[in-house]
Amino acid sequence: MHPRPTLSAILITRNEVHNIRECLASLEGWVDEIVVVDHASTDSTAAIAQEFGARVIQTEDWPGFGPQKNRALNAATSEWVLSLDADERVTPALAKEIRLAMESAQFWAYTLPRLSWYCGRFMRHGGWYPDRVLRLFKRGEAIFSNALVHEIVQTAHPVGALQNDLIHYSYRDFSQVLRKTDQYSTAGAIQAFQNGKRAGFASALGHGLWAFVRTYILRRGFLDGAHGLALAISNAEASYYKYLKLWQLGNDEARARIDHQAQGSKEQN
């Protein structure tokens, strides 16, 4: 008889006191190890994680979401790994399905359907559902991309698909929407700039408009009522500001180049 496969749950955190307890409670009793890599939290995130028996690793630097998650992955010791964000919850039905998938091992990596909360409602349209994310995999057979934001799990193996939802409390209120829009649009612009992309003001407008059309019309966000419209507008704003910031980075680069050339001319004269 084969021994039961072991499972490490890994998380990265920063000031997640409003989320971490419910997330870890959803793991209690059925995972073998919890690894939390915390980036300089000033609240009780680390202490709460330790209450649940988690191994907490503190980091002072912030290399980006992908590299930080790879730190957590490298600290895991079980055969299988489940990667979660602090605002996600594993239902009992999903926990049972994960265990069965590990025992059958038909695949070495699995996606989970994610059901996300947006300011008072779970969203089932607008491209938000089923929003499959690859989160369960055999350790050593997958790795996170090095992206600063919107990192993905990369594997060379075929990927299976679980059916029970991962619950995601992504946006509890519109203030959080604004904060995350600013954070992610900045990180997205920097990442695009580092990859050699450039944008203009017209490009920012176009991307914002396209994000609205894609979310509200093509992906039928209108079926989620007023929340669907609000989501389409916030998606448009996120895309608009990402490319607006990318435009600004390009302008800053051009000004720095001109200033450098002007300084060189002065030195030659």
C-alpha atoms as a PDB file:
ATOM      1  CA  MET A   1       0.000   0.000   0.000  1.00  0.00           C
ATOM      2  CA  HIS A   2       1.415   3.388  -1.030  1.00  0.00           C
ATOM      3  CA  PRO A   3       1.797   6.048   1.689  1.00  0.00           C
ATOM      4  CA  ARG A   4      -0.540   9.018   1.566  1.00  0.00           C
ATOM      5  CA  PRO A   5       0.983  11.847  -0.518  1.00  0.00           C
ATOM      6  CA  THR A   6       1.961  14.924   1.483  1.00  0.00           C
ATOM      7  CA  LEU A   7       0.954  18.508   0.712  1.00  0.00           C
ATOM      8  CA  SER A   8       2.538  21.897   1.455  1.00  0.00           C
ATOM      9  CA  ALA A   9       0.390  25.027   1.242  1.00  0.00           C
ATOM     10  CA  ILE A  10       2.457  28.104   0.389  1.00  0.00           C
ATOM     11  CA  LEU A  11       1.525  31.793   0.688  1.00  0.00           C
ATOM     12  CA  ILE A  12       3.224  35.158   0.369  1.00  0.00           C
ATOM     13  CA  THR A  13       1.903  37.976   2.553  1.00  0.00           C
ATOM     14  CA  ARG A  14       2.197  41.619   3.523  1.00  0.00           C
ATOM     15  CA  ASN A  15      -0.185  43.143   6.070  1.00  0.00           C
ATOM     16  CA  GLU A  16      -2.928  40.544   5.518  1.00  0.00           C
ATOM     17  CA  VAL A  17      -4.453  40.634   9.002  1.00  0.00           C
ATOM     18  CA  HIS A  18      -7.963  40.941   7.529  1.00  0.00           C
ATOM     19  CA  ASN A  19      -7.518  37.822   5.373  1.00  0.00           C
ATOM     20  CA  ILE A  20      -4.942  35.431   6.743  1.00  0.00           C
ATOM     21  CA  ARG A  21      -6.945  33.815   9.563  1.00  0.00           C
ATOM     22  CA  GLU A  22      -9.832  32.702   7.321  1.00  0.00           C
ATOM     23  CA  CYS A  23      -7.412  31.506   4.650  1.00  0.00           C
ATOM     24  CA  LEU A  24      -5.383  29.358   7.045  1.00  0.00           C
ATOM     25  CA  ALA A  25      -8.534  28.076   8.764  1.00  0.00           C
ATOM     26  CA  SER A  26      -9.607  26.643   5.401  1.00  0.00           C
ATOM     27  CA  LEU A  27      -6.366  24.606   5.361  1.00  0.00           C
ATOM     28  CA  GLU A  28      -6.528  23.357   8.922  1.00  0.00           C
ATOM     29  CA  GLY A  29      -6.542  19.608   9.417  1.00  0.00           C
ATOM     30  CA  TRP A  30      -5.876  18.429   5.871  1.00  0.00           C
ATOM     31  CA  VAL A  31      -2.557  19.925   4.683  1.00  0.00           C
ATOM     32  CA  ASP A  32       0.760  18.647   6.039  1.00  0.00           C
ATOM     33  CA  GLU A  33       2.710  21.903   6.018  1.00  0.00           C
ATOM     34  CA  ILE A  34       2.039  25.631   5.692  1.00  0.00           C
ATOM     35  CA  VAL A  35       4.815  27.941   4.523  1.00  0.00           C
ATOM     36  CA  VAL A  36       4.264  31.712   4.720  1.00  0.00           C
ATOM     37  CA  VAL A  37       6.832  34.089   3.241  1.00  0.00           C
ATOM     38  CA  ASP A  38       6.032  37.484   4.720  1.00  0.00           C
ATOM     39  CA  HIS A  39       7.362  40.764   3.360  1.00  0.00           C
ATOM     40  CA  ALA A  40       7.841  43.242   6.207  1.00  0.00           C
ATOM     41  CA  SER A  41       4.308  43.142   7.617  1.00  0.00           C
ATOM     42  CA  THR A  42       3.659  45.728  10.304  1.00  0.00           C
ATOM     43  CA  ASP A  43       0.468  44.090  11.558  1.00  0.00           C
ATOM     44  CA  SER A  44      -0.126  40.691  13.194  1.00  0.00           C
ATOM     45  CA  THR A  45      -0.040  38.642   9.961  1.00  0.00           C
ATOM     46  CA  ALA A  46       3.029  36.640  10.989  1.00  0.00           C
ATOM     47  CA  ALA A  47       1.738  36.006  14.512  1.00  0.00           C
ATOM     48  CA  ILE A  48      -1.595  34.696  13.223  1.00  0.00           C
ATOM     49  CA  ALA A  49       0.203  32.421  10.751  1.00  0.00           C
ATOM     50  CA  GLN A  50       2.272  31.011  13.596  1.00  0.00           C
ATOM     51  CA  GLU A  51      -0.926  30.310  15.549  1.00  0.00           C
ATOM     52  CA  PHE A  52      -1.864  27.894  12.764  1.00  0.00           C
ATOM     53  CA  GLY A  53       1.545  26.189  12.925  1.00  0.00           C
ATOM     54  CA  ALA A  54       2.842  27.831   9.776  1.00  0.00           C
ATOM     55  CA  ARG A  55       6.569  28.163   9.146  1.00  0.00           C
ATOM     56  CA  VAL A  56       6.991  31.909   8.672  1.00  0.00           C
ATOM     57  CA  ILE A  57       9.930  33.297   6.688  1.00  0.00           C
ATOM     58  CA  GLN A  58      10.466  37.057   6.885  1.00  0.00           C
ATOM     59  CA  THR A  59      11.957  39.034   3.982  1.00  0.00           C
ATOM     60  CA  GLU A  60      12.896  42.701   3.883  1.00  0.00           C
ATOM     61  CA  ASP A  61      13.301  43.088   0.115  1.00  0.00           C
ATOM     62  CA  TRP A  62      10.543  42.810  -2.493  1.00  0.00           C
ATOM     63  CA  PRO A  63      11.675  41.122  -5.746  1.00  0.00           C
ATOM     64  CA  GLY A  64       8.168  40.929  -7.271  1.00  0.00           C
ATOM     65  CA  PHE A  65       5.310  38.444  -6.985  1.00  0.00           C
ATOM     66  CA  GLY A  66       6.871  35.674  -9.077  1.00  0.00           C
ATOM     67  CA  PRO A  67      10.291  35.603  -7.363  1.00  0.00           C
ATOM     68  CA  GLN A  68       8.661  35.919  -3.919  1.00  0.00           C
ATOM     69  CA  LYS A  69       6.423  32.924  -4.614  1.00  0.00           C
ATOM     70  CA  ASN A  70       9.448  30.952  -5.779  1.00  0.00           C
ATOM     71  CA  ARG A  71      11.001  31.658  -2.383  1.00  0.00           C
ATOM     72  CA  ALA A  72       7.969  30.077  -0.744  1.00  0.00           C
ATOM     73  CA  LEU A  73       8.096  27.166  -3.192  1.00  0.00           C
ATOM     74  CA  ASN A  74      11.777  26.554  -2.454  1.00  0.00           C
ATOM     75  CA  ALA A  75      10.970  26.376   1.274  1.00  0.00           C
ATOM     76  CA  ALA A  76       8.262  23.709   0.840  1.00  0.00           C
ATOM     77  CA  THR A  77       9.161  20.115   1.725  1.00  0.00           C
ATOM     78  CA  SER A  78       6.091  18.016   0.805  1.00  0.00           C
ATOM     79  CA  GLU A  79       5.536  15.971  -2.353  1.00  0.00           C
ATOM     80  CA  TRP A  80       2.794  18.290  -3.580  1.00  0.00           C
ATOM     81  CA  VAL A  81       2.350  22.066  -3.379  1.00  0.00           C
ATOM     82  CA  LEU A  82      -0.817  24.158  -3.192  1.00  0.00           C
ATOM     83  CA  SER A  83      -0.211  27.865  -3.800  1.00  0.00           C
ATOM     84  CA  LEU A  84      -2.746  30.290  -2.322  1.00  0.00           C
ATOM     85  CA  ASP A  85      -3.175  34.011  -1.831  1.00  0.00           C
ATOM     86  CA  ALA A  86      -4.268  35.269   1.585  1.00  0.00           C
ATOM     87  CA  ASP A  87      -7.642  36.398   0.219  1.00  0.00           C
ATOM     88  CA  GLU A  88      -8.500  32.900  -1.032  1.00  0.00           C
ATOM     89  CA  ARG A  89     -10.367  30.083   0.745  1.00  0.00           C
ATOM     90  CA  VAL A  90     -10.456  26.332   0.109  1.00  0.00           C
ATOM     91  CA  THR A  91     -13.906  24.822   0.562  1.00  0.00           C
ATOM     92  CA  PRO A  92     -14.275  21.337   2.119  1.00  0.00           C
ATOM     93  CA  ALA A  93     -15.401  20.000  -1.272  1.00  0.00           C
ATOM     94  CA  LEU A  94     -12.296  21.387  -2.977  1.00  0.00           C
ATOM     95  CA  ALA A  95     -10.046  20.060  -0.204  1.00  0.00           C
ATOM     96  CA  LYS A  96     -11.470  16.560  -0.716  1.00  0.00           C
ATOM     97  CA  GLU A  97     -11.027  16.837  -4.483  1.00  0.00           C
ATOM     98  CA  ILE A  98      -7.411  17.980  -4.086  1.00  0.00           C
ATOM     99  CA  ARG A  99      -6.630  14.962  -1.896  1.00  0.00           C
ATOM    100  CA  LEU A 100      -8.218  12.588  -4.402  1.00  0.00           C
ATOM    101  CA  ALA A 101      -6.283  14.188  -7.268  1.00  0.00           C
ATOM    102  CA  MET A 102      -3.004  13.787  -5.392  1.00  0.00           C
ATOM    103  CA  GLU A 103      -3.723  10.146  -4.632  1.00  0.00           C
ATOM    104  CA  SER A 104      -4.678   9.302  -8.208  1.00  0.00           C
ATOM    105  CA  ALA A 105      -1.780  11.339  -9.665  1.00  0.00           C
ATOM    106  CA  GLN A 106      -3.272  11.198 -13.139  1.00  0.00           C
ATOM    107  CA  PHE A 107      -1.585  14.561 -13.669  1.00  0.00           C
ATOM    108  CA  TRP A 108       1.315  16.310 -11.950  1.00  0.00           C
ATOM    109  CA  ALA A 109      -0.352  19.710 -12.098  1.00  0.00           C
ATOM    110  CA  TYR A 110      -3.955  20.904 -11.831  1.00  0.00           C
ATOM    111  CA  THR A 111      -5.927  24.075 -12.422  1.00  0.00           C
ATOM    112  CA  LEU A 112      -8.666  25.205 -10.045  1.00  0.00           C
ATOM    113  CA  PRO A 113     -11.766  27.224 -11.027  1.00  0.00           C
ATOM    114  CA  ARG A 114     -11.795  30.457  -9.031  1.00  0.00           C
ATOM    115  CA  LEU A 115     -14.971  32.266  -7.969  1.00  0.00           C
ATOM    116  CA  SER A 116     -14.173  35.892  -7.126  1.00  0.00           C
ATOM    117  CA  TRP A 117     -15.940  38.471  -4.969  1.00  0.00           C
ATOM    118  CA  TYR A 118     -16.222  42.042  -6.246  1.00  0.00           C
ATOM    119  CA  CYS A 119     -17.515  44.654  -3.786  1.00  0.00           C
ATOM    120  CA  GLY A 120     -20.552  42.726  -2.590  1.00  0.00           C
ATOM    121  CA  ARG A 121     -21.119  40.040  -5.221  1.00  0.00           C
ATOM    122  CA  PHE A 122     -19.528  36.898  -6.614  1.00  0.00           C
ATOM    123  CA  MET A 123     -18.909  37.566 -10.318  1.00  0.00           C
ATOM    124  CA  ARG A 124     -19.794  34.883 -12.864  1.00  0.00           C
ATOM    125  CA  HIS A 125     -19.289  36.845 -16.082  1.00  0.00           C
ATOM    126  CA  GLY A 126     -16.995  39.500 -17.515  1.00  0.00           C
ATOM    127  CA  GLY A 127     -14.140  37.005 -17.833  1.00  0.00           C
ATOM    128  CA  TRP A 128     -14.048  36.447 -14.076  1.00  0.00           C
ATOM    129  CA  TYR A 129     -15.418  32.921 -13.989  1.00  0.00           C
ATOM    130  CA  PRO A 130     -14.323  30.188 -14.011  1.00  0.00           C
ATOM    131  CA  ASP A 131     -10.948  32.037 -14.085  1.00  0.00           C
ATOM    132  CA  ARG A 132      -8.892  28.829 -13.973  1.00  0.00           C
ATOM    133  CA  VAL A 133      -5.579  29.139 -12.133  1.00  0.00           C
ATOM    134  CA  LEU A 134      -2.817  26.532 -11.916  1.00  0.00           C
ATOM    135  CA  ARG A 135      -2.227  26.167  -8.175  1.00  0.00           C
ATOM    136  CA  LEU A 136      -1.732  22.466  -7.393  1.00  0.00           C
ATOM    137  CA  PHE A 137       1.384  20.666  -8.607  1.00  0.00           C
ATOM    138  CA  LYS A 138       4.077  18.185  -7.697  1.00  0.00           C
ATOM    139  CA  ARG A 139       7.059  19.864  -6.098  1.00  0.00           C
ATOM    140  CA  GLY A 140       9.998  19.965  -8.491  1.00  0.00           C
ATOM    141  CA  GLU A 141       7.745  19.755 -11.563  1.00  0.00           C
ATOM    142  CA  ALA A 142       6.674  23.406 -11.794  1.00  0.00           C
ATOM    143  CA  ILE A 143       7.951  26.899 -11.014  1.00  0.00           C
ATOM    144  CA  PHE A 144       6.567  30.436 -10.922  1.00  0.00           C
ATOM    145  CA  SER A 145       7.453  32.891 -13.676  1.00  0.00           C
ATOM    146  CA  ASN A 146       9.681  35.787 -12.649  1.00  0.00           C
ATOM    147  CA  ALA A 147       7.009  38.389 -13.428  1.00  0.00           C
ATOM    148  CA  LEU A 148       6.761  41.387 -11.115  1.00  0.00           C
ATOM    149  CA  VAL A 149       2.960  41.043 -11.214  1.00  0.00           C
ATOM    150  CA  HIS A 150       0.436  38.566 -12.677  1.00  0.00           C
ATOM    151  CA  GLU A 151       2.881  35.689 -12.280  1.00  0.00           C
ATOM    152  CA  ILE A 152       1.944  32.215 -13.541  1.00  0.00           C
ATOM    153  CA  VAL A 153       2.948  28.649 -12.707  1.00  0.00           C
ATOM    154  CA  GLN A 154       5.027  27.106 -15.481  1.00  0.00           C
ATOM    155  CA  THR A 155       5.269  23.356 -16.074  1.00  0.00           C
ATOM    156  CA  ALA A 156       6.247  21.091 -18.948  1.00  0.00           C
ATOM    157  CA  HIS A 157       3.683  18.452 -17.960  1.00  0.00           C
ATOM    158  CA  PRO A 158       0.054  17.991 -19.059  1.00  0.00           C
ATOM    159  CA  VAL A 159      -2.331  19.812 -16.728  1.00  0.00           C
ATOM    160  CA  GLY A 160      -5.526  18.398 -15.244  1.00  0.00           C
ATOM    161  CA  ALA A 161      -8.598  20.367 -14.174  1.00  0.00           C
ATOM    162  CA  LEU A 162     -10.384  20.225 -10.815  1.00  0.00           C
ATOM    163  CA  GLN A 163     -14.084  21.121 -10.609  1.00  0.00           C
ATOM    164  CA  ASN A 164     -14.765  22.622  -7.174  1.00  0.00           C
ATOM    165  CA  ASP A 165     -14.347  26.378  -6.780  1.00  0.00           C
ATOM    166  CA  LEU A 166     -11.541  28.179  -5.007  1.00  0.00           C
ATOM    167  CA  ILE A 167     -13.207  31.137  -3.259  1.00  0.00           C
ATOM    168  CA  HIS A 168     -11.478  34.470  -3.824  1.00  0.00           C
ATOM    169  CA  TYR A 169     -12.345  37.626  -1.852  1.00  0.00           C
ATOM    170  CA  SER A 170     -10.468  39.813  -4.300  1.00  0.00           C
ATOM    171  CA  TYR A 171     -12.147  43.194  -3.735  1.00  0.00           C
ATOM    172  CA  ARG A 172     -14.143  43.839  -0.582  1.00  0.00           C
ATOM    173  CA  ASP A 173     -14.862  47.525  -1.353  1.00  0.00           C
ATOM    174  CA  PHE A 174     -14.174  50.176  -3.979  1.00  0.00           C
ATOM    175  CA  SER A 175     -11.377  51.766  -1.964  1.00  0.00           C
ATOM    176  CA  GLN A 176      -9.508  48.484  -2.311  1.00  0.00           C
ATOM    177  CA  VAL A 177     -10.232  48.521  -6.050  1.00  0.00           C
ATOM    178  CA  LEU A 178      -8.562  51.929  -6.330  1.00  0.00           C
ATOM    179  CA  ARG A 179      -5.534  50.880  -4.266  1.00  0.00           C
ATOM    180  CA  LYS A 180      -4.973  47.700  -6.257  1.00  0.00           C
ATOM    181  CA  THR A 181      -5.522  49.497  -9.565  1.00  0.00           C
ATOM    182  CA  ASP A 182      -2.727  51.898  -8.690  1.00  0.00           C
ATOM    183  CA  GLN A 183      -0.435  49.127  -7.423  1.00  0.00           C
ATOM    184  CA  TYR A 184      -0.937  46.714 -10.311  1.00  0.00           C
ATOM    185  CA  SER A 185      -0.916  49.354 -13.050  1.00  0.00           C
ATOM    186  CA  THR A 186       2.428  50.643 -11.763  1.00  0.00           C
ATOM    187  CA  ALA A 187       3.956  47.160 -11.581  1.00  0.00           C
ATOM    188  CA  GLY A 188       2.507  46.260 -14.988  1.00  0.00           C
ATOM    189  CA  ALA A 189       3.923  49.416 -16.581  1.00  0.00           C
ATOM    190  CA  ILE A 190       7.376  48.811 -15.110  1.00  0.00           C
ATOM    191  CA  GLN A 191       7.351  45.201 -16.268  1.00  0.00           C
ATOM    192  CA  ALA A 192       6.269  46.185 -19.787  1.00  0.00           C
ATOM    193  CA  PHE A 193       8.922  48.930 -19.903  1.00  0.00           C
ATOM    194  CA  GLN A 194      11.631  46.485 -18.838  1.00  0.00           C
ATOM    195  CA  ASN A 195      10.474  44.138 -21.616  1.00  0.00           C
ATOM    196  CA  GLY A 196      11.051  46.883 -24.175  1.00  0.00           C
ATOM    197  CA  LYS A 197       7.437  47.973 -24.689  1.00  0.00           C
ATOM    198  CA  ARG A 198       6.513  51.635 -25.175  1.00  0.00           C
ATOM    199  CA  ALA A 199       3.148  53.427 -25.386  1.00  0.00           C
ATOM    200  CA  GLY A 200       1.597  56.774 -26.217  1.00  0.00           C
ATOM    201  CA  PHE A 201      -1.455  58.579 -24.902  1.00  0.00           C
ATOM    202  CA  ALA A 202      -3.628  57.268 -27.747  1.00  0.00           C
ATOM    203  CA  SER A 203      -2.488  53.738 -26.913  1.00  0.00           C
ATOM    204  CA  ALA A 204      -3.571  54.216 -23.295  1.00  0.00           C
ATOM    205  CA  LEU A 205      -7.011  55.367 -24.416  1.00  0.00           C
ATOM    206  CA  GLY A 206      -7.336  52.476 -26.848  1.00  0.00           C
ATOM    207  CA  HIS A 207      -6.357  49.833 -24.321  1.00  0.00           C
ATOM    208  CA  GLY A 208      -8.765  51.273 -21.767  1.00  0.00           C
ATOM    209  CA  LEU A 209     -11.651  51.276 -24.241  1.00  0.00           C
ATOM    210  CA  TRP A 210     -10.877  47.755 -25.402  1.00  0.00           C
ATOM    211  CA  ALA A 211     -10.777  46.489 -21.789  1.00  0.00           C
ATOM    212  CA  PHE A 212     -14.267  47.888 -21.221  1.00  0.00           C
ATOM    213  CA  VAL A 213     -15.695  46.374 -24.421  1.00  0.00           C
ATOM    214  CA  ARG A 214     -14.075  43.015 -23.744  1.00  0.00           C
ATOM    215  CA  THR A 215     -15.317  42.843 -20.148  1.00  0.00           C
ATOM    216  CA  TYR A 216     -18.808  44.278 -20.480  1.00  0.00           C
ATOM    217  CA  ILE A 217     -19.883  43.149 -23.948  1.00  0.00           C
ATOM    218  CA  LEU A 218     -17.748  40.308 -25.338  1.00  0.00           C
ATOM    219  CA  ARG A 219     -17.480  38.515 -21.983  1.00  0.00           C
ATOM    220  CA  ARG A 220     -21.072  39.428 -21.041  1.00  0.00           C
ATOM    221  CA  GLY A 221     -20.282  41.391 -17.914  1.00  0.00           C
ATOM    222  CA  PHE A 222     -23.696  43.065 -18.297  1.00  0.00           C
ATOM    223  CA  LEU A 223     -25.233  39.831 -16.959  1.00  0.00           C
ATOM    224  CA  ASP A 224     -23.810  40.704 -13.525  1.00  0.00           C
ATOM    225  CA  GLY A 225     -25.922  43.871 -13.412  1.00  0.00           C
ATOM    226  CA  ALA A 226     -24.562  47.064 -11.880  1.00  0.00           C
ATOM    227  CA  HIS A 227     -21.575  45.193 -10.477  1.00  0.00           C
ATOM    228  CA  GLY A 228     -20.742  44.015 -13.991  1.00  0.00           C
ATOM    229  CA  LEU A 229     -20.727  47.607 -15.228  1.00  0.00           C
ATOM    230  CA  ALA A 230     -18.593  48.725 -12.289  1.00  0.00           C
ATOM    231  CA  LEU A 231     -16.133  45.903 -12.981  1.00  0.00           C
ATOM    232  CA  ALA A 232     -15.897  46.822 -16.667  1.00  0.00           C
ATOM    233  CA  ILE A 233     -15.154  50.438 -15.761  1.00  0.00           C
ATOM    234  CA  SER A 234     -12.475  49.460 -13.225  1.00  0.00           C
ATOM    235  CA  ASN A 235     -10.882  47.070 -15.746  1.00  0.00           C
ATOM    236  CA  ALA A 236     -10.827  49.916 -18.264  1.00  0.00           C
ATOM    237  CA  GLU A 237      -9.210  52.229 -15.711  1.00  0.00           C
ATOM    238  CA  ALA A 238      -6.589  49.621 -14.794  1.00  0.00           C
ATOM    239  CA  SER A 239      -5.600  49.140 -18.426  1.00  0.00           C
ATOM    240  CA  TYR A 240      -5.691  52.884 -19.156  1.00  0.00           C
ATOM    241  CA  TYR A 241      -3.447  53.761 -16.209  1.00  0.00           C
ATOM    242  CA  LYS A 242      -1.011  50.938 -16.943  1.00  0.00           C
ATOM    243  CA  TYR A 243      -0.367  52.294 -20.450  1.00  0.00           C
ATOM    244  CA  LEU A 244      -0.506  55.898 -19.268  1.00  0.00           C
ATOM    245  CA  LYS A 245       2.275  55.103 -16.796  1.00  0.00           C
ATOM    246  CA  LEU A 246       4.170  53.248 -19.527  1.00  0.00           C
ATOM    247  CA  TRP A 247       3.889  56.395 -21.678  1.00  0.00           C
ATOM    248  CA  GLN A 248       5.283  58.445 -18.793  1.00  0.00           C
ATOM    249  CA  LEU A 249       8.201  56.049 -18.327  1.00  0.00           C
ATOM    250  CA  GLY A 250       9.034  56.451 -22.005  1.00  0.00           C
ATOM    251  CA  ASN A 251       8.902  60.244 -21.711  1.00  0.00           C
ATOM    252  CA  ASP A 252      11.156  60.144 -18.661  1.00  0.00           C
ATOM    253  CA  GLU A 253      13.609  57.943 -20.547  1.00  0.00           C
ATOM    254  CA  ALA A 254      13.624  60.327 -23.517  1.00  0.00           C
ATOM    255  CA  ARG A 255      14.186  63.367 -21.301  1.00  0.00           C
ATOM    256  CA  ALA A 256      17.040  61.619 -19.505  1.00  0.00           C
ATOM    257  CA  ARG A 257      18.642  60.767 -22.854  1.00  0.00           C
ATOM    258  CA  ILE A 258      18.335  64.369 -24.069  1.00  0.00           C
ATOM    259  CA  ASP A 259      19.777  65.681 -20.801  1.00  0.00           C
ATOM    260  CA  HIS A 260      22.676  63.247 -21.075  1.00  0.00           C
ATOM    261  CA  GLN A 261      23.377  64.314 -24.655  1.00  0.00           C
ATOM    262  CA  ALA A 262      23.207  67.989 -23.691  1.00  0.00           C
ATOM    263  CA  GLN A 263      25.624  67.403 -20.819  1.00  0.00           C
ATOM    264  CA  GLY A 264      27.993  65.619 -23.186  1.00  0.00           C
ATOM    265  CA  SER A 265      27.906  68.540 -25.625  1.00  0.00           C
ATOM    266  CA  LYS A 266      28.738  70.982 -22.836  1.00  0.00           C
ATOM    267  CA  GLU A 267      31.716  68.902 -21.759  1.00  0.00           C
ATOM    268  CA  GLN A 268      33.046  68.765 -25.333  1.00  0.00           C
ATOM    269  CA  ASN A 269      32.772  72.548 -25.641  1.00  0.00           C
END
